[in-house]
C-alpha atoms as a PDB file:
ATOM      1  CA  UNK A   1      -3.438   9.156   8.760  1.00  0.00           C
ATOM      2  CA  UNK A   2      -3.078   5.482   8.091  1.00  0.00           C
ATOM      3  CA  UNK A   3      -5.478   3.142   6.245  1.00  0.00           C
ATOM      4  CA  UNK A   4      -8.519   5.315   6.602  1.00  0.00           C
ATOM      5  CA  UNK A   5     -11.826   3.791   5.879  1.00  0.00           C
ATOM      6  CA  UNK A   6     -15.465   4.569   5.903  1.00  0.00           C
ATOM      7  CA  UNK A   7     -17.565   1.932   4.441  1.00  0.00           C
ATOM      8  CA  UNK A   8     -21.068   3.414   4.519  1.00  0.00           C
ATOM      9  CA  UNK A   9     -22.981   3.485   0.892  1.00  0.00           C
ATOM     10  CA  UNK A  10     -22.061   7.095   0.579  1.00  0.00           C
ATOM     11  CA  UNK A  11     -18.555   7.068   2.232  1.00  0.00           C
ATOM     12  CA  UNK A  12     -16.214   8.043  -0.636  1.00  0.00           C
ATOM     13  CA  UNK A  13     -16.940  11.648  -0.982  1.00  0.00           C
ATOM     14  CA  UNK A  14     -16.942  11.960   3.016  1.00  0.00           C
ATOM     15  CA  UNK A  15     -13.344  10.260   3.165  1.00  0.00           C
ATOM     16  CA  UNK A  16     -12.176  12.368   0.376  1.00  0.00           C
ATOM     17  CA  UNK A  17     -13.403  15.569   2.033  1.00  0.00           C
ATOM     18  CA  UNK A  18     -11.871  14.439   5.265  1.00  0.00           C
ATOM     19  CA  UNK A  19      -8.491  13.570   3.916  1.00  0.00           C
ATOM     20  CA  UNK A  20      -8.280  16.861   1.958  1.00  0.00           C
ATOM     21  CA  UNK A  21      -9.324  18.488   5.319  1.00  0.00           C
ATOM     22  CA  UNK A  22      -6.816  16.809   7.488  1.00  0.00           C
ATOM     23  CA  UNK A  23      -3.967  17.244   4.787  1.00  0.00           C
ATOM     24  CA  UNK A  24      -4.673  21.299   4.593  1.00  0.00           C
ATOM     25  CA  UNK A  25      -4.779  21.385   8.315  1.00  0.00           C
ATOM     26  CA  UNK A  26      -1.301  19.705   8.629  1.00  0.00           C
ATOM     27  CA  UNK A  27      -0.028  21.944   6.033  1.00  0.00           C
ATOM     28  CA  UNK A  28      -1.347  25.035   7.793  1.00  0.00           C
ATOM     29  CA  UNK A  29       0.941  23.981  10.611  1.00  0.00           C
ATOM     30  CA  UNK A  30       4.099  23.215   8.796  1.00  0.00           C
ATOM     31  CA  UNK A  31       4.260  23.756   4.944  1.00  0.00           C
ATOM     32  CA  UNK A  32       7.395  21.914   4.675  1.00  0.00           C
ATOM     33  CA  UNK A  33       5.873  18.982   6.333  1.00  0.00           C
ATOM     34  CA  UNK A  34       5.454  15.773   3.956  1.00  0.00           C
ATOM     35  CA  UNK A  35       2.212  14.547   4.186  1.00  0.00           C
ATOM     36  CA  UNK A  36       0.686  11.309   2.811  1.00  0.00           C
ATOM     37  CA  UNK A  37      -2.446   9.265   3.454  1.00  0.00           C
ATOM     38  CA  UNK A  38      -1.242   5.794   4.498  1.00  0.00           C
ATOM     39  CA  UNK A  39      -3.556   4.113   1.987  1.00  0.00           C
ATOM     40  CA  UNK A  40      -3.548   0.271   1.365  1.00  0.00           C
ATOM     41  CA  UNK A  41      -3.678   1.318  -2.225  1.00  0.00           C
ATOM     42  CA  UNK A  42      -7.423  -0.151  -2.809  1.00  0.00           C
ATOM     43  CA  UNK A  43      -9.169   1.268  -5.969  1.00  0.00           C
ATOM     44  CA  UNK A  44     -12.635   2.531  -5.539  1.00  0.00           C
ATOM     45  CA  UNK A  45     -15.652   1.464  -7.677  1.00  0.00           C
ATOM     46  CA  UNK A  46     -15.387   5.001  -9.449  1.00  0.00           C
ATOM     47  CA  UNK A  47     -12.009   4.237 -10.701  1.00  0.00           C
ATOM     48  CA  UNK A  48     -12.449   3.070 -14.302  1.00  0.00           C
ATOM     49  CA  UNK A  49     -10.908  -0.387 -14.802  1.00  0.00           C
ATOM     50  CA  UNK A  50      -9.024  -0.343 -11.483  1.00  0.00           C
ATOM     51  CA  UNK A  51     -10.872  -2.413  -9.109  1.00  0.00           C
ATOM     52  CA  UNK A  52     -10.190  -5.438 -10.763  1.00  0.00           C
ATOM     53  CA  UNK A  53      -6.305  -4.886  -9.071  1.00  0.00           C
ATOM     54  CA  UNK A  54      -8.057  -5.100  -5.737  1.00  0.00           C
ATOM     55  CA  UNK A  55      -7.559  -8.291  -3.774  1.00  0.00           C
ATOM     56  CA  UNK A  56     -11.479  -9.009  -3.925  1.00  0.00           C
ATOM     57  CA  UNK A  57     -14.358  -6.779  -4.145  1.00  0.00           C
ATOM     58  CA  UNK A  58     -14.666  -5.856  -0.697  1.00  0.00           C
ATOM     59  CA  UNK A  59     -11.666  -3.521  -1.017  1.00  0.00           C
ATOM     60  CA  UNK A  60     -13.232  -1.525  -3.249  1.00  0.00           C
ATOM     61  CA  UNK A  61     -16.380  -0.779  -0.591  1.00  0.00           C
ATOM     62  CA  UNK A  62     -14.231   0.526   2.209  1.00  0.00           C
ATOM     63  CA  UNK A  63     -14.635   4.164   0.921  1.00  0.00           C
ATOM     64  CA  UNK A  64     -11.073   4.663   0.043  1.00  0.00           C
ATOM     65  CA  UNK A  65      -9.786   5.221  -3.578  1.00  0.00           C
ATOM     66  CA  UNK A  66      -6.052   5.408  -4.468  1.00  0.00           C
ATOM     67  CA  UNK A  67      -6.035   7.835  -7.170  1.00  0.00           C
ATOM     68  CA  UNK A  68      -8.720  10.404  -6.058  1.00  0.00           C
ATOM     69  CA  UNK A  69      -7.241  10.356  -2.310  1.00  0.00           C
ATOM     70  CA  UNK A  70      -3.605  10.528  -3.346  1.00  0.00           C
ATOM     71  CA  UNK A  71      -4.178  13.408  -5.899  1.00  0.00           C
ATOM     72  CA  UNK A  72      -5.266  15.752  -3.152  1.00  0.00           C
ATOM     73  CA  UNK A  73      -3.031  18.733  -3.552  1.00  0.00           C
ATOM     74  CA  UNK A  74      -1.736  18.754   0.006  1.00  0.00           C
ATOM     75  CA  UNK A  75      -0.677  15.202  -0.308  1.00  0.00           C
ATOM     76  CA  UNK A  76       2.991  15.004  -1.355  1.00  0.00           C
ATOM     77  CA  UNK A  77       3.240  11.472  -2.116  1.00  0.00           C
ATOM     78  CA  UNK A  78       1.177   8.441  -2.596  1.00  0.00           C
ATOM     79  CA  UNK A  79       1.566   5.468  -0.250  1.00  0.00           C
ATOM     80  CA  UNK A  80       0.569   1.771  -0.664  1.00  0.00           C
ATOM     81  CA  UNK A  81       0.625  -1.514   1.327  1.00  0.00           C
ATOM     82  CA  UNK A  82       1.104  -4.995   0.251  1.00  0.00           C
ATOM     83  CA  UNK A  83      -0.293  -7.950   2.441  1.00  0.00           C
ATOM     84  CA  UNK A  84      -0.853 -10.887  -0.052  1.00  0.00           C
ATOM     85  CA  UNK A  85      -1.024 -13.354   2.911  1.00  0.00           C
ATOM     86  CA  UNK A  86      -3.993 -11.710   4.340  1.00  0.00           C
ATOM     87  CA  UNK A  87      -5.582 -10.334   1.166  1.00  0.00           C
ATOM     88  CA  UNK A  88      -5.682 -13.725  -0.765  1.00  0.00           C
ATOM     89  CA  UNK A  89      -4.881 -16.470   1.880  1.00  0.00           C
ATOM     90  CA  UNK A  90      -5.770 -19.510  -0.067  1.00  0.00           C
ATOM     91  CA  UNK A  91      -3.856 -18.774  -3.055  1.00  0.00           C
ATOM     92  CA  UNK A  92      -0.515 -20.555  -3.697  1.00  0.00           C
ATOM     93  CA  UNK A  93       2.953 -18.749  -4.015  1.00  0.00           C
ATOM     94  CA  UNK A  94       3.025 -18.556  -7.822  1.00  0.00           C
ATOM     95  CA  UNK A  95      -0.640 -16.757  -7.591  1.00  0.00           C
ATOM     96  CA  UNK A  96       0.554 -14.449  -4.848  1.00  0.00           C
ATOM     97  CA  UNK A  97       3.601 -13.447  -6.674  1.00  0.00           C
ATOM     98  CA  UNK A  98       1.776 -12.768  -9.753  1.00  0.00           C
ATOM     99  CA  UNK A  99      -0.876 -10.882  -7.942  1.00  0.00           C
ATOM    100  CA  UNK A 100       1.884  -8.706  -6.113  1.00  0.00           C
ATOM    101  CA  UNK A 101       3.625  -8.097  -9.182  1.00  0.00           C
ATOM    102  CA  UNK A 102       0.605  -6.659 -10.790  1.00  0.00           C
ATOM    103  CA  UNK A 103      -0.343  -4.807  -7.744  1.00  0.00           C
ATOM    104  CA  UNK A 104       3.096  -2.906  -7.369  1.00  0.00           C
ATOM    105  CA  UNK A 105       3.076  -2.368 -11.229  1.00  0.00           C
ATOM    106  CA  UNK A 106      -0.154  -0.410 -11.213  1.00  0.00           C
ATOM    107  CA  UNK A 107       0.513   1.602  -8.465  1.00  0.00           C
ATOM    108  CA  UNK A 108       3.895   2.693  -9.746  1.00  0.00           C
ATOM    109  CA  UNK A 109       2.484   3.535 -13.075  1.00  0.00           C
ATOM    110  CA  UNK A 110      -0.455   5.606 -11.426  1.00  0.00           C
ATOM    111  CA  UNK A 111       2.096   7.411  -9.430  1.00  0.00           C
ATOM    112  CA  UNK A 112       4.012   8.201 -12.662  1.00  0.00           C
ATOM    113  CA  UNK A 113       1.005   9.105 -14.924  1.00  0.00           C
ATOM    114  CA  UNK A 114      -2.175   9.811 -13.263  1.00  0.00           C
ATOM    115  CA  UNK A 115      -0.807  11.243  -9.851  1.00  0.00           C
ATOM    116  CA  UNK A 116       2.619  12.505 -11.266  1.00  0.00           C
ATOM    117  CA  UNK A 117       3.759  11.859  -7.535  1.00  0.00           C
ATOM    118  CA  UNK A 118       6.198   9.332  -6.074  1.00  0.00           C
ATOM    119  CA  UNK A 119       4.914   6.412  -4.392  1.00  0.00           C
ATOM    120  CA  UNK A 120       6.067   4.727  -1.224  1.00  0.00           C
ATOM    121  CA  UNK A 121       5.256   1.310  -0.301  1.00  0.00           C
ATOM    122  CA  UNK A 122       4.879   1.732   3.271  1.00  0.00           C
ATOM    123  CA  UNK A 123       3.893  -1.586   4.545  1.00  0.00           C
ATOM    124  CA  UNK A 124       4.717  -4.794   2.779  1.00  0.00           C
ATOM    125  CA  UNK A 125       4.295  -8.089   4.649  1.00  0.00           C
ATOM    126  CA  UNK A 126       4.350 -11.630   4.386  1.00  0.00           C
ATOM    127  CA  UNK A 127       3.936 -14.133   7.024  1.00  0.00           C
ATOM    128  CA  UNK A 128       7.067 -15.151   8.840  1.00  0.00           C
ATOM    129  CA  UNK A 129       5.739 -18.626   9.710  1.00  0.00           C
ATOM    130  CA  UNK A 130       8.506 -21.327   9.496  1.00  0.00           C
ATOM    131  CA  UNK A 131       7.642 -24.307   8.086  1.00  0.00           C
ATOM    132  CA  UNK A 132       9.533 -27.081   6.220  1.00  0.00           C
ATOM    133  CA  UNK A 133      10.566 -24.592   3.429  1.00  0.00           C
ATOM    134  CA  UNK A 134      11.746 -22.047   6.207  1.00  0.00           C
ATOM    135  CA  UNK A 135      10.751 -18.319   5.149  1.00  0.00           C
ATOM    136  CA  UNK A 136      11.333 -19.256   1.485  1.00  0.00           C
ATOM    137  CA  UNK A 137       7.539 -17.981   0.439  1.00  0.00           C
ATOM    138  CA  UNK A 138       8.055 -14.718   2.115  1.00  0.00           C
ATOM    139  CA  UNK A 139      11.503 -14.330   0.575  1.00  0.00           C
ATOM    140  CA  UNK A 140      10.135 -14.739  -2.946  1.00  0.00           C
ATOM    141  CA  UNK A 141       7.267 -12.452  -2.063  1.00  0.00           C
ATOM    142  CA  UNK A 142       9.496  -9.578  -0.655  1.00  0.00           C
ATOM    143  CA  UNK A 143      12.202  -9.867  -3.647  1.00  0.00           C
ATOM    144  CA  UNK A 144       9.262  -9.574  -6.091  1.00  0.00           C
ATOM    145  CA  UNK A 145       8.067  -6.083  -4.557  1.00  0.00           C
ATOM    146  CA  UNK A 146      11.621  -4.812  -3.636  1.00  0.00           C
ATOM    147  CA  UNK A 147      13.125  -5.383  -7.164  1.00  0.00           C
ATOM    148  CA  UNK A 148      10.171  -3.571  -8.900  1.00  0.00           C
ATOM    149  CA  UNK A 149      10.506  -0.810  -6.325  1.00  0.00           C
ATOM    150  CA  UNK A 150      14.442  -0.530  -6.722  1.00  0.00           C
ATOM    151  CA  UNK A 151      14.022  -0.113 -10.544  1.00  0.00           C
ATOM    152  CA  UNK A 152      11.540   2.461 -10.135  1.00  0.00           C
ATOM    153  CA  UNK A 153      13.684   4.092  -7.442  1.00  0.00           C
ATOM    154  CA  UNK A 154      16.782   4.524  -9.880  1.00  0.00           C
ATOM    155  CA  UNK A 155      14.296   6.492 -11.748  1.00  0.00           C
ATOM    156  CA  UNK A 156      13.411   8.382  -8.626  1.00  0.00           C
ATOM    157  CA  UNK A 157       9.685   7.361  -8.752  1.00  0.00           C
ATOM    158  CA  UNK A 158       9.110   4.792  -6.028  1.00  0.00           C
ATOM    159  CA  UNK A 159      10.532   3.891  -2.743  1.00  0.00           C
ATOM    160  CA  UNK A 160       9.628   1.653   0.117  1.00  0.00           C
ATOM    161  CA  UNK A 161       9.882   1.496   4.149  1.00  0.00           C
ATOM    162  CA  UNK A 162      10.151  -1.919   5.883  1.00  0.00           C
ATOM    163  CA  UNK A 163       7.449  -2.748   8.206  1.00  0.00           C
ATOM    164  CA  UNK A 164       8.667  -4.203  11.502  1.00  0.00           C
ATOM    165  CA  UNK A 165      12.347  -4.782  11.338  1.00  0.00           C
ATOM    166  CA  UNK A 166      13.302  -6.045  14.775  1.00  0.00           C
ATOM    167  CA  UNK A 167      16.205  -7.946  16.322  1.00  0.00           C
ATOM    168  CA  UNK A 168      16.097 -11.441  17.326  1.00  0.00           C
ATOM    169  CA  UNK A 169      15.044 -11.873  21.050  1.00  0.00           C
ATOM    170  CA  UNK A 170      11.685  -9.575  20.816  1.00  0.00           C
ATOM    171  CA  UNK A 171       9.487 -11.708  19.521  1.00  0.00           C
ATOM    172  CA  UNK A 172       6.701 -10.773  22.021  1.00  0.00           C
ATOM    173  CA  UNK A 173       6.471  -7.316  19.981  1.00  0.00           C
ATOM    174  CA  UNK A 174       5.987  -8.749  16.500  1.00  0.00           C
ATOM    175  CA  UNK A 175       3.166  -9.111  14.223  1.00  0.00           C
ATOM    176  CA  UNK A 176       2.926 -12.063  11.793  1.00  0.00           C
ATOM    177  CA  UNK A 177       4.874 -10.181   9.009  1.00  0.00           C
ATOM    178  CA  UNK A 178       7.852  -8.890  11.213  1.00  0.00           C
ATOM    179  CA  UNK A 179      11.439  -9.255   9.528  1.00  0.00           C
ATOM    180  CA  UNK A 180      14.013 -10.348  12.019  1.00  0.00           C
END
């Protein structure tokens, strides 16, 4: 599963049931197979005091809800994505860094307290557009995320994947957030 969505007005229960069904099916085939949802990490409208963490009101209307979706018994670890350039495109670097810091802290805390499961940041991306500053903005944003994840990982709580790590010369296979 990756970034499941169902944006009808009554989608949250249907999506929750589908995630539970798919996770149970995978476990029926292989009990030792680690299963996650592949969530972006958006909080739904029913998650008290959490929807303000989302990058805008649209995120809460997509049917997914980080805490209940990740709390399903056959889900082994929670997953989160972070794309500040896409989610808050008109914000400056300081605002994106502040937002991202709060986003990461909120999900690590929810993994520890609400879910009691590790959190894996599976996709973290920032534009690799090179301008007069080079890739400085991306470096600052990625450092913000990875420093927080590293501190949590030392306590065996959070971890990360790198999305799109490619060698130079394969530019035709990249998205705008590839690390080369």
